[in-house]
């Protein structure tokens, strides 16, 4: 995955807390769209890089799940 062809998705945790079920759903969606790694940010957030070709698909799925997120 070239860094030029990826966008970073940031999921903020309200109050620094996320339920196991919501985290599981995010990870399943990320795995479905070829995300190899996720990382936790310093500001109570989950970060992962998505290839540009998969960006529309994963953002649609996250919206369907009711997950609020930011891109880059």
N, C-alpha and C. Protein backbone atom coordinates (compact mmCIF):
# COMPACT_ATOMS: atom_id res chain seq x y z
N UNK A 1 0.85 -1.17 0.00
CA UNK A 1 0.00 0.00 0.00
C UNK A 1 0.90 1.24 0.00
N UNK A 2 0.83 1.99 -1.05
CA UNK A 2 1.61 3.21 -1.16
C UNK A 2 0.94 4.33 -0.36
N UNK A 3 1.73 5.15 0.30
CA UNK A 3 1.17 6.22 1.12
C UNK A 3 0.42 7.25 0.29
N UNK A 4 0.72 7.34 -1.00
CA UNK A 4 0.02 8.29 -1.85
C UNK A 4 -1.41 7.85 -2.15
N UNK A 5 -1.67 6.56 -2.02
CA UNK A 5 -2.97 6.02 -2.39
C UNK A 5 -3.83 5.65 -1.19
N UNK A 6 -3.61 6.29 -0.05
CA UNK A 6 -4.39 5.97 1.13
C UNK A 6 -4.93 7.23 1.79
N UNK A 7 -6.02 7.05 2.49
CA UNK A 7 -6.57 8.08 3.36
C UNK A 7 -6.66 7.49 4.75
N UNK A 8 -6.50 8.32 5.76
CA UNK A 8 -6.61 7.86 7.13
C UNK A 8 -8.00 8.14 7.64
N UNK A 9 -8.62 7.12 8.22
CA UNK A 9 -9.92 7.28 8.86
C UNK A 9 -9.69 7.33 10.36
N UNK A 10 -10.32 8.32 10.99
CA UNK A 10 -10.19 8.52 12.43
C UNK A 10 -11.56 8.38 13.08
N UNK A 11 -11.67 7.45 14.03
CA UNK A 11 -12.90 7.25 14.79
C UNK A 11 -12.63 7.72 16.21
N UNK A 12 -13.32 8.77 16.62
CA UNK A 12 -13.15 9.29 17.98
C UNK A 12 -14.05 8.53 18.94
N UNK A 13 -13.53 8.23 20.13
CA UNK A 13 -14.30 7.56 21.16
C UNK A 13 -14.86 8.61 22.10
N UNK A 14 -16.16 8.66 22.25
CA UNK A 14 -16.78 9.63 23.16
C UNK A 14 -16.39 9.29 24.59
N UNK A 15 -15.76 10.22 25.24
CA UNK A 15 -15.31 10.00 26.61
C UNK A 15 -14.19 8.99 26.72
N UNK A 16 -13.59 8.64 25.59
CA UNK A 16 -12.50 7.68 25.59
C UNK A 16 -12.94 6.24 25.74
N UNK A 17 -14.25 6.00 25.58
CA UNK A 17 -14.79 4.66 25.79
C UNK A 17 -15.48 4.19 24.52
N UNK A 18 -15.28 2.91 24.19
CA UNK A 18 -15.99 2.29 23.08
C UNK A 18 -16.42 0.90 23.53
N UNK A 19 -17.63 0.53 23.17
CA UNK A 19 -18.10 -0.80 23.57
C UNK A 19 -17.41 -1.87 22.73
N UNK A 20 -17.24 -3.04 23.29
CA UNK A 20 -16.61 -4.12 22.52
C UNK A 20 -17.36 -4.42 21.23
N UNK A 21 -18.69 -4.34 21.26
CA UNK A 21 -19.48 -4.64 20.06
C UNK A 21 -19.23 -3.61 18.95
N UNK A 22 -19.16 -2.34 19.29
CA UNK A 22 -18.89 -1.30 18.29
C UNK A 22 -17.48 -1.46 17.74
N UNK A 23 -16.52 -1.71 18.61
CA UNK A 23 -15.14 -1.92 18.16
C UNK A 23 -15.07 -3.12 17.22
N UNK A 24 -15.75 -4.19 17.58
CA UNK A 24 -15.80 -5.38 16.74
C UNK A 24 -16.35 -5.04 15.35
N UNK A 25 -17.46 -4.29 15.30
CA UNK A 25 -18.06 -3.94 14.01
C UNK A 25 -17.13 -3.08 13.16
N UNK A 26 -16.41 -2.17 13.79
CA UNK A 26 -15.44 -1.34 13.06
C UNK A 26 -14.34 -2.23 12.49
N UNK A 27 -13.84 -3.15 13.30
CA UNK A 27 -12.75 -4.02 12.85
C UNK A 27 -13.20 -4.98 11.74
N UNK A 28 -14.42 -5.47 11.82
CA UNK A 28 -14.95 -6.33 10.74
C UNK A 28 -15.05 -5.54 9.45
N UNK A 29 -15.57 -4.32 9.53
CA UNK A 29 -15.67 -3.48 8.33
C UNK A 29 -14.29 -3.18 7.76
N UNK A 30 -13.33 -2.86 8.63
CA UNK A 30 -11.97 -2.56 8.17
C UNK A 30 -11.35 -3.77 7.50
N UNK A 31 -11.54 -4.93 8.08
CA UNK A 31 -10.98 -6.15 7.50
C UNK A 31 -11.60 -6.45 6.14
N UNK A 32 -12.89 -6.20 6.01
CA UNK A 32 -13.59 -6.46 4.75
C UNK A 32 -13.00 -5.65 3.59
N UNK A 33 -12.46 -4.48 3.91
CA UNK A 33 -11.93 -3.59 2.87
C UNK A 33 -10.41 -3.49 2.92
N UNK A 34 -9.77 -4.59 3.25
CA UNK A 34 -8.33 -4.77 3.12
C UNK A 34 -7.47 -3.88 4.02
N UNK A 35 -8.00 -3.49 5.16
CA UNK A 35 -7.18 -2.76 6.13
C UNK A 35 -6.36 -3.79 6.89
N UNK A 36 -5.05 -3.62 6.87
CA UNK A 36 -4.17 -4.59 7.52
C UNK A 36 -3.89 -4.26 8.98
N UNK A 37 -3.87 -2.97 9.32
CA UNK A 37 -3.50 -2.54 10.67
C UNK A 37 -4.42 -1.42 11.13
N UNK A 38 -4.71 -1.42 12.42
CA UNK A 38 -5.36 -0.27 13.06
C UNK A 38 -4.45 0.16 14.20
N UNK A 39 -4.57 1.39 14.60
CA UNK A 39 -3.75 1.88 15.70
C UNK A 39 -4.60 2.82 16.55
N UNK A 40 -4.22 2.93 17.80
CA UNK A 40 -4.90 3.84 18.70
C UNK A 40 -4.12 5.14 18.77
N UNK A 41 -4.83 6.25 18.61
CA UNK A 41 -4.21 7.56 18.68
C UNK A 41 -4.06 8.01 20.12
N UNK A 42 -3.35 9.09 20.30
CA UNK A 42 -3.12 9.64 21.64
C UNK A 42 -4.33 10.37 22.19
N UNK A 43 -5.29 10.66 21.35
CA UNK A 43 -6.46 11.44 21.76
C UNK A 43 -7.74 10.61 21.76
N UNK A 44 -7.64 9.40 22.27
CA UNK A 44 -8.79 8.52 22.43
C UNK A 44 -9.50 8.28 21.10
N UNK A 45 -8.74 7.73 20.17
CA UNK A 45 -9.28 7.49 18.84
C UNK A 45 -8.67 6.24 18.23
N UNK A 46 -9.36 5.71 17.24
CA UNK A 46 -8.88 4.57 16.46
C UNK A 46 -8.56 5.09 15.07
N UNK A 47 -7.38 4.78 14.58
CA UNK A 47 -6.93 5.25 13.27
C UNK A 47 -6.60 4.07 12.38
N UNK A 48 -6.96 4.18 11.10
CA UNK A 48 -6.54 3.17 10.14
C UNK A 48 -6.49 3.78 8.75
N UNK A 49 -5.60 3.23 7.94
CA UNK A 49 -5.40 3.72 6.57
C UNK A 49 -6.17 2.84 5.59
N UNK A 50 -6.85 3.50 4.65
CA UNK A 50 -7.67 2.81 3.67
C UNK A 50 -7.23 3.22 2.27
N UNK A 51 -7.12 2.25 1.40
CA UNK A 51 -6.79 2.56 0.01
C UNK A 51 -7.92 3.39 -0.59
N UNK A 52 -7.54 4.32 -1.47
CA UNK A 52 -8.52 5.22 -2.07
C UNK A 52 -9.63 4.46 -2.77
N UNK A 53 -9.28 3.34 -3.39
CA UNK A 53 -10.28 2.56 -4.11
C UNK A 53 -11.35 1.99 -3.19
N UNK A 54 -11.03 1.80 -1.92
CA UNK A 54 -11.96 1.22 -0.95
C UNK A 54 -12.65 2.27 -0.08
N UNK A 55 -12.25 3.53 -0.21
CA UNK A 55 -12.72 4.57 0.70
C UNK A 55 -14.23 4.73 0.67
N UNK A 56 -14.85 4.79 -0.49
CA UNK A 56 -16.30 4.95 -0.57
C UNK A 56 -17.03 3.78 0.07
N UNK A 57 -16.52 2.58 -0.13
CA UNK A 57 -17.17 1.39 0.41
C UNK A 57 -17.14 1.37 1.94
N UNK A 58 -15.96 1.63 2.49
CA UNK A 58 -15.85 1.55 3.96
C UNK A 58 -16.58 2.71 4.64
N UNK A 59 -16.56 3.89 4.04
CA UNK A 59 -17.28 5.01 4.65
C UNK A 59 -18.78 4.77 4.62
N UNK A 60 -19.26 4.17 3.56
CA UNK A 60 -20.69 3.83 3.48
C UNK A 60 -21.04 2.82 4.57
N UNK A 61 -20.20 1.82 4.76
CA UNK A 61 -20.46 0.81 5.79
C UNK A 61 -20.42 1.41 7.19
N UNK A 62 -19.44 2.27 7.46
CA UNK A 62 -19.36 2.91 8.78
C UNK A 62 -20.58 3.78 9.03
N UNK A 63 -21.04 4.50 8.02
CA UNK A 63 -22.25 5.32 8.16
C UNK A 63 -23.46 4.45 8.43
N UNK A 64 -23.57 3.31 7.75
CA UNK A 64 -24.66 2.37 7.97
C UNK A 64 -24.67 1.87 9.40
N UNK A 65 -23.48 1.66 9.96
CA UNK A 65 -23.35 1.19 11.34
C UNK A 65 -23.57 2.31 12.37
N UNK A 66 -23.68 3.54 11.90
CA UNK A 66 -23.88 4.67 12.81
C UNK A 66 -22.59 5.13 13.50
N UNK A 67 -21.45 4.83 12.88
CA UNK A 67 -20.15 5.20 13.44
C UNK A 67 -19.77 6.58 12.88
N UNK A 68 -19.48 7.52 13.75
CA UNK A 68 -19.02 8.82 13.26
C UNK A 68 -17.50 8.77 13.11
N UNK A 69 -17.02 9.38 12.04
CA UNK A 69 -15.60 9.31 11.73
C UNK A 69 -15.18 10.55 10.95
N UNK A 70 -13.89 10.71 10.83
CA UNK A 70 -13.30 11.78 10.01
C UNK A 70 -12.32 11.15 9.04
N UNK A 71 -12.14 11.77 7.91
CA UNK A 71 -11.16 11.30 6.92
C UNK A 71 -10.01 12.29 6.91
N UNK A 72 -8.80 11.75 7.01
CA UNK A 72 -7.56 12.52 7.08
C UNK A 72 -7.67 13.47 8.25
